[in-house]
């Protein structure tokens, strides 16, 4: 079955939103953990794009939600 992310409804949508929000939190935490040693060493922080934050945010927007 091929279901598009913006076509998910009801309890499935709720579960999808919670999962995407959890994924977003994990990726933000990973990004912050990578930035701390860079900041302390005085070197440039890693690129946010390497952590896939934009992709998760986009998926959340497509289902009408946002990160927590």
PDB file of N, CA and C in Angstrom:
ATOM      1  N   UNK A   1       0.843  -1.175   0.000  1.00  0.00           N
ATOM      2  CA  UNK A   1       0.000   0.000   0.000  1.00  0.00           C
ATOM      3  C   UNK A   1       0.887   1.236   0.000  1.00  0.00           C
ATOM      4  N   UNK A   2       0.628   2.137  -0.892  1.00  0.00           N
ATOM      5  CA  UNK A   2       1.397   3.373  -1.022  1.00  0.00           C
ATOM      6  C   UNK A   2       0.564   4.545  -0.517  1.00  0.00           C
ATOM      7  N   UNK A   3       0.903   5.057   0.665  1.00  0.00           N
ATOM      8  CA  UNK A   3       0.172   6.177   1.245  1.00  0.00           C
ATOM      9  C   UNK A   3       1.116   7.369   1.321  1.00  0.00           C
ATOM     10  N   UNK A   4       0.637   8.499   0.838  1.00  0.00           N
ATOM     11  CA  UNK A   4       1.443   9.718   0.923  1.00  0.00           C
ATOM     12  C   UNK A   4       1.322  10.294   2.319  1.00  0.00           C
ATOM     13  N   UNK A   5       2.403  10.909   2.782  1.00  0.00           N
ATOM     14  CA  UNK A   5       2.460  11.409   4.153  1.00  0.00           C
ATOM     15  C   UNK A   5       1.345  12.405   4.457  1.00  0.00           C
ATOM     16  N   UNK A   6       0.966  13.214   3.491  1.00  0.00           N
ATOM     17  CA  UNK A   6      -0.074  14.208   3.742  1.00  0.00           C
ATOM     18  C   UNK A   6      -1.487  13.637   3.613  1.00  0.00           C
ATOM     19  N   UNK A   7      -1.604  12.336   3.342  1.00  0.00           N
ATOM     20  CA  UNK A   7      -2.904  11.686   3.263  1.00  0.00           C
ATOM     21  C   UNK A   7      -3.219  10.858   4.504  1.00  0.00           C
ATOM     22  N   UNK A   8      -2.288  10.802   5.456  1.00  0.00           N
ATOM     23  CA  UNK A   8      -2.482  10.018   6.675  1.00  0.00           C
ATOM     24  C   UNK A   8      -3.450  10.776   7.585  1.00  0.00           C
ATOM     25  N   UNK A   9      -4.414  10.064   8.154  1.00  0.00           N
ATOM     26  CA  UNK A   9      -5.429  10.703   9.002  1.00  0.00           C
ATOM     27  C   UNK A   9      -5.635   9.912  10.295  1.00  0.00           C
ATOM     28  N   UNK A  10      -6.381  10.520  11.203  1.00  0.00           N
ATOM     29  CA  UNK A  10      -6.806   9.840  12.429  1.00  0.00           C
ATOM     30  C   UNK A  10      -5.661   9.450  13.334  1.00  0.00           C
ATOM     31  N   UNK A  11      -5.811   8.272  13.932  1.00  0.00           N
ATOM     32  CA  UNK A  11      -4.802   7.776  14.866  1.00  0.00           C
ATOM     33  C   UNK A  11      -3.444   7.569  14.201  1.00  0.00           C
ATOM     34  N   UNK A  12      -3.458   7.183  12.924  1.00  0.00           N
ATOM     35  CA  UNK A  12      -2.196   7.001  12.205  1.00  0.00           C
ATOM     36  C   UNK A  12      -1.456   8.333  12.083  1.00  0.00           C
ATOM     37  N   UNK A  13      -2.192   9.414  11.842  1.00  0.00           N
ATOM     38  CA  UNK A  13      -1.581  10.742  11.752  1.00  0.00           C
ATOM     39  C   UNK A  13      -1.004  11.143  13.102  1.00  0.00           C
ATOM     40  N   UNK A  14      -1.765  10.899  14.168  1.00  0.00           N
ATOM     41  CA  UNK A  14      -1.290  11.237  15.509  1.00  0.00           C
ATOM     42  C   UNK A  14       0.019  10.512  15.826  1.00  0.00           C
ATOM     43  N   UNK A  15       0.064   9.229  15.501  1.00  0.00           N
ATOM     44  CA  UNK A  15       1.279   8.448  15.734  1.00  0.00           C
ATOM     45  C   UNK A  15       2.433   8.965  14.884  1.00  0.00           C
ATOM     46  N   UNK A  16       2.150   9.306  13.645  1.00  0.00           N
ATOM     47  CA  UNK A  16       3.167   9.841  12.752  1.00  0.00           C
ATOM     48  C   UNK A  16       3.734  11.150  13.297  1.00  0.00           C
ATOM     49  N   UNK A  17       2.862  12.034  13.781  1.00  0.00           N
ATOM     50  CA  UNK A  17       3.299  13.322  14.327  1.00  0.00           C
ATOM     51  C   UNK A  17       4.197  13.100  15.542  1.00  0.00           C
ATOM     52  N   UNK A  18       3.771  12.240  16.455  1.00  0.00           N
ATOM     53  CA  UNK A  18       4.569  11.972  17.664  1.00  0.00           C
ATOM     54  C   UNK A  18       5.932  11.399  17.282  1.00  0.00           C
ATOM     55  N   UNK A  19       5.949  10.485  16.319  1.00  0.00           N
ATOM     56  CA  UNK A  19       7.212   9.881  15.893  1.00  0.00           C
ATOM     57  C   UNK A  19       8.128  10.905  15.228  1.00  0.00           C
ATOM     58  N   UNK A  20       7.578  11.740  14.366  1.00  0.00           N
ATOM     59  CA  UNK A  20       8.389  12.765  13.702  1.00  0.00           C
ATOM     60  C   UNK A  20       8.906  13.800  14.697  1.00  0.00           C
ATOM     61  N   UNK A  21       8.088  14.159  15.688  1.00  0.00           N
ATOM     62  CA  UNK A  21       8.538  15.105  16.706  1.00  0.00           C
ATOM     63  C   UNK A  21       9.667  14.499  17.538  1.00  0.00           C
ATOM     64  N   UNK A  22       9.565  13.217  17.851  1.00  0.00           N
ATOM     65  CA  UNK A  22      10.633  12.540  18.588  1.00  0.00           C
ATOM     66  C   UNK A  22      11.910  12.486  17.750  1.00  0.00           C
ATOM     67  N   UNK A  23      11.767  12.206  16.469  1.00  0.00           N
ATOM     68  CA  UNK A  23      12.919  12.181  15.570  1.00  0.00           C
ATOM     69  C   UNK A  23      13.563  13.555  15.489  1.00  0.00           C
ATOM     70  N   UNK A  24      12.750  14.597  15.427  1.00  0.00           N
ATOM     71  CA  UNK A  24      13.273  15.958  15.380  1.00  0.00           C
ATOM     72  C   UNK A  24      14.072  16.263  16.651  1.00  0.00           C
ATOM     73  N   UNK A  25      13.513  15.917  17.814  1.00  0.00           N
ATOM     74  CA  UNK A  25      14.227  16.150  19.081  1.00  0.00           C
ATOM     75  C   UNK A  25      15.565  15.421  19.102  1.00  0.00           C
ATOM     76  N   UNK A  26      15.571  14.180  18.643  1.00  0.00           N
ATOM     77  CA  UNK A  26      16.814  13.394  18.615  1.00  0.00           C
ATOM     78  C   UNK A  26      17.854  14.037  17.707  1.00  0.00           C
ATOM     79  N   UNK A  27      17.419  14.514  16.564  1.00  0.00           N
ATOM     80  CA  UNK A  27      18.367  15.128  15.624  1.00  0.00           C
ATOM     81  C   UNK A  27      18.877  16.474  16.130  1.00  0.00           C
ATOM     82  N   UNK A  28      18.009  17.246  16.790  1.00  0.00           N
ATOM     83  CA  UNK A  28      18.457  18.509  17.378  1.00  0.00           C
ATOM     84  C   UNK A  28      19.478  18.231  18.478  1.00  0.00           C
ATOM     85  N   UNK A  29      19.209  17.236  19.297  1.00  0.00           N
ATOM     86  CA  UNK A  29      20.144  16.866  20.364  1.00  0.00           C
ATOM     87  C   UNK A  29      21.483  16.423  19.791  1.00  0.00           C
ATOM     88  N   UNK A  30      21.445  15.633  18.733  1.00  0.00           N
ATOM     89  CA  UNK A  30      22.686  15.190  18.092  1.00  0.00           C
ATOM     90  C   UNK A  30      23.457  16.374  17.516  1.00  0.00           C
ATOM     91  N   UNK A  31      22.742  17.304  16.897  1.00  0.00           N
ATOM     92  CA  UNK A  31      23.388  18.491  16.337  1.00  0.00           C
ATOM     93  C   UNK A  31      24.039  19.308  17.441  1.00  0.00           C
ATOM     94  N   UNK A  32      23.323  19.521  18.520  1.00  0.00           N
ATOM     95  CA  UNK A  32      23.866  20.291  19.640  1.00  0.00           C
ATOM     96  C   UNK A  32      25.078  19.587  20.259  1.00  0.00           C
ATOM     97  N   UNK A  33      25.003  18.272  20.361  1.00  0.00           N
ATOM     98  CA  UNK A  33      26.130  17.510  20.915  1.00  0.00           C
ATOM     99  C   UNK A  33      27.355  17.616  20.014  1.00  0.00           C
ATOM    100  N   UNK A  34      27.138  17.730  18.720  1.00  0.00           N
ATOM    101  CA  UNK A  34      28.264  17.875  17.794  1.00  0.00           C
ATOM    102  C   UNK A  34      28.815  19.298  17.812  1.00  0.00           C
ATOM    103  N   UNK A  35      27.955  20.270  18.092  1.00  0.00           N
ATOM    104  CA  UNK A  35      28.395  21.665  18.099  1.00  0.00           C
ATOM    105  C   UNK A  35      29.214  22.015  19.334  1.00  0.00           C
ATOM    106  N   UNK A  36      28.893  21.419  20.460  1.00  0.00           N
ATOM    107  CA  UNK A  36      29.572  21.771  21.712  1.00  0.00           C
ATOM    108  C   UNK A  36      31.087  21.601  21.622  1.00  0.00           C
ATOM    109  N   UNK A  37      31.601  20.448  21.219  1.00  0.00           N
ATOM    110  CA  UNK A  37      33.066  20.330  21.142  1.00  0.00           C
ATOM    111  C   UNK A  37      33.674  21.260  20.089  1.00  0.00           C
ATOM    112  N   UNK A  38      32.929  21.490  19.004  1.00  0.00           N
ATOM    113  CA  UNK A  38      33.431  22.419  17.982  1.00  0.00           C
ATOM    114  C   UNK A  38      33.552  23.818  18.555  1.00  0.00           C
ATOM    115  N   UNK A  39      32.546  24.242  19.283  1.00  0.00           N
ATOM    116  CA  UNK A  39      32.567  25.567  19.897  1.00  0.00           C
ATOM    117  C   UNK A  39      33.708  25.680  20.901  1.00  0.00           C
ATOM    118  N   UNK A  40      33.886  24.657  21.702  1.00  0.00           N
ATOM    119  CA  UNK A  40      34.955  24.673  22.708  1.00  0.00           C
ATOM    120  C   UNK A  40      36.344  24.691  22.069  1.00  0.00           C
ATOM    121  N   UNK A  41      36.465  24.044  20.920  1.00  0.00           N
ATOM    122  CA  UNK A  41      37.752  23.991  20.224  1.00  0.00           C
ATOM    123  C   UNK A  41      37.971  25.207  19.328  1.00  0.00           C
ATOM    124  N   UNK A  42      36.938  26.029  19.192  1.00  0.00           N
ATOM    125  CA  UNK A  42      37.065  27.218  18.358  1.00  0.00           C
ATOM    126  C   UNK A  42      37.075  26.929  16.875  1.00  0.00           C
ATOM    127  N   UNK A  43      36.453  25.833  16.489  1.00  0.00           N
ATOM    128  CA  UNK A  43      36.373  25.485  15.068  1.00  0.00           C
ATOM    129  C   UNK A  43      34.920  25.585  14.615  1.00  0.00           C
ATOM    130  N   UNK A  44      34.686  25.695  13.325  1.00  0.00           N
ATOM    131  CA  UNK A  44      33.308  25.816  12.841  1.00  0.00           C
ATOM    132  C   UNK A  44      32.452  24.605  13.236  1.00  0.00           C
ATOM    133  N   UNK A  45      31.210  24.890  13.546  1.00  0.00           N
ATOM    134  CA  UNK A  45      30.264  23.826  13.882  1.00  0.00           C
ATOM    135  C   UNK A  45      29.907  23.053  12.620  1.00  0.00           C
ATOM    136  N   UNK A  46      29.451  21.812  12.796  1.00  0.00           N
ATOM    137  CA  UNK A  46      29.030  21.039  11.626  1.00  0.00           C
ATOM    138  C   UNK A  46      27.822  21.691  10.955  1.00  0.00           C
ATOM    139  N   UNK A  47      27.617  21.348   9.724  1.00  0.00           N
ATOM    140  CA  UNK A  47      26.495  21.853   8.946  1.00  0.00           C
ATOM    141  C   UNK A  47      25.201  21.209   9.442  1.00  0.00           C
ATOM    142  N   UNK A  48      24.184  22.032   9.685  1.00  0.00           N
ATOM    143  CA  UNK A  48      22.881  21.507  10.139  1.00  0.00           C
ATOM    144  C   UNK A  48      22.308  20.496   9.138  1.00  0.00           C
ATOM    145  N   UNK A  49      22.629  20.691   7.875  1.00  0.00           N
ATOM    146  CA  UNK A  49      22.114  19.801   6.843  1.00  0.00           C
ATOM    147  C   UNK A  49      22.545  18.359   7.011  1.00  0.00           C
ATOM    148  N   UNK A  50      23.669  18.158   7.665  1.00  0.00           N
ATOM    149  CA  UNK A  50      24.154  16.797   7.892  1.00  0.00           C
ATOM    150  C   UNK A  50      23.270  16.018   8.860  1.00  0.00           C
ATOM    151  N   UNK A  51      22.425  16.717   9.602  1.00  0.00           N
ATOM    152  CA  UNK A  51      21.613  16.071  10.623  1.00  0.00           C
ATOM    153  C   UNK A  51      20.162  15.869  10.199  1.00  0.00           C
ATOM    154  N   UNK A  52      19.810  16.290   8.997  1.00  0.00           N
ATOM    155  CA  UNK A  52      18.480  16.034   8.458  1.00  0.00           C
ATOM    156  C   UNK A  52      17.345  16.779   9.150  1.00  0.00           C
ATOM    157  N   UNK A  53      17.651  17.911   9.771  1.00  0.00           N
ATOM    158  CA  UNK A  53      16.612  18.672  10.457  1.00  0.00           C
ATOM    159  C   UNK A  53      15.578  19.227   9.477  1.00  0.00           C
ATOM    160  N   UNK A  54      16.022  19.669   8.340  1.00  0.00           N
ATOM    161  CA  UNK A  54      15.094  20.250   7.357  1.00  0.00           C
ATOM    162  C   UNK A  54      14.102  19.203   6.846  1.00  0.00           C
ATOM    163  N   UNK A  55      14.561  17.996   6.649  1.00  0.00           N
ATOM    164  CA  UNK A  55      13.686  16.940   6.141  1.00  0.00           C
ATOM    165  C   UNK A  55      12.585  16.604   7.141  1.00  0.00           C
ATOM    166  N   UNK A  56      12.956  16.518   8.419  1.00  0.00           N
ATOM    167  CA  UNK A  56      11.957  16.200   9.441  1.00  0.00           C
ATOM    168  C   UNK A  56      10.978  17.361   9.593  1.00  0.00           C
ATOM    169  N   UNK A  57      11.482  18.586   9.588  1.00  0.00           N
ATOM    170  CA  UNK A  57      10.606  19.757   9.692  1.00  0.00           C
ATOM    171  C   UNK A  57       9.638  19.809   8.515  1.00  0.00           C
ATOM    172  N   UNK A  58      10.120  19.494   7.338  1.00  0.00           N
ATOM    173  CA  UNK A  58       9.271  19.482   6.152  1.00  0.00           C
ATOM    174  C   UNK A  58       8.173  18.433   6.274  1.00  0.00           C
ATOM    175  N   UNK A  59       8.533  17.259   6.753  1.00  0.00           N
ATOM    176  CA  UNK A  59       7.534  16.194   6.930  1.00  0.00           C
ATOM    177  C   UNK A  59       6.478  16.613   7.954  1.00  0.00           C
ATOM    178  N   UNK A  60       6.911  17.250   9.031  1.00  0.00           N
ATOM    179  CA  UNK A  60       5.954  17.722  10.035  1.00  0.00           C
ATOM    180  C   UNK A  60       5.008  18.762   9.446  1.00  0.00           C
ATOM    181  N   UNK A  61       5.545  19.679   8.666  1.00  0.00           N
ATOM    182  CA  UNK A  61       4.694  20.696   8.036  1.00  0.00           C
ATOM    183  C   UNK A  61       3.678  20.057   7.093  1.00  0.00           C
ATOM    184  N   UNK A  62       4.095  19.020   6.393  1.00  0.00           N
ATOM    185  CA  UNK A  62       3.198  18.366   5.441  1.00  0.00           C
ATOM    186  C   UNK A  62       2.001  17.716   6.121  1.00  0.00           C
ATOM    187  N   UNK A  63       2.150  17.330   7.375  1.00  0.00           N
ATOM    188  CA  UNK A  63       1.018  16.737   8.101  1.00  0.00           C
ATOM    189  C   UNK A  63       0.341  17.770   9.004  1.00  0.00           C
ATOM    190  N   UNK A  64       0.745  19.041   8.859  1.00  0.00           N
ATOM    191  CA  UNK A  64       0.096  20.104   9.602  1.00  0.00           C
ATOM    192  C   UNK A  64       0.533  20.213  11.047  1.00  0.00           C
ATOM    193  N   UNK A  65       1.780  19.841  11.322  1.00  0.00           N
ATOM    194  CA  UNK A  65       2.297  19.893  12.693  1.00  0.00           C
ATOM    195  C   UNK A  65       3.637  20.614  12.685  1.00  0.00           C
ATOM    196  N   UNK A  66       4.234  20.689  13.837  1.00  0.00           N
ATOM    197  CA  UNK A  66       5.530  21.310  13.976  1.00  0.00           C
ATOM    198  C   UNK A  66       6.317  20.632  15.080  1.00  0.00           C
ATOM    199  N   UNK A  67       7.593  20.943  15.170  1.00  0.00           N
ATOM    200  CA  UNK A  67       8.404  20.347  16.234  1.00  0.00           C
ATOM    201  C   UNK A  67       8.018  20.890  17.590  1.00  0.00           C
ATOM    202  N   UNK A  68       8.248  20.105  18.607  1.00  0.00           N
ATOM    203  CA  UNK A  68       8.005  20.564  19.983  1.00  0.00           C
ATOM    204  C   UNK A  68       9.288  20.943  20.637  1.00  0.00           C
TER     205      UNK A  68
END
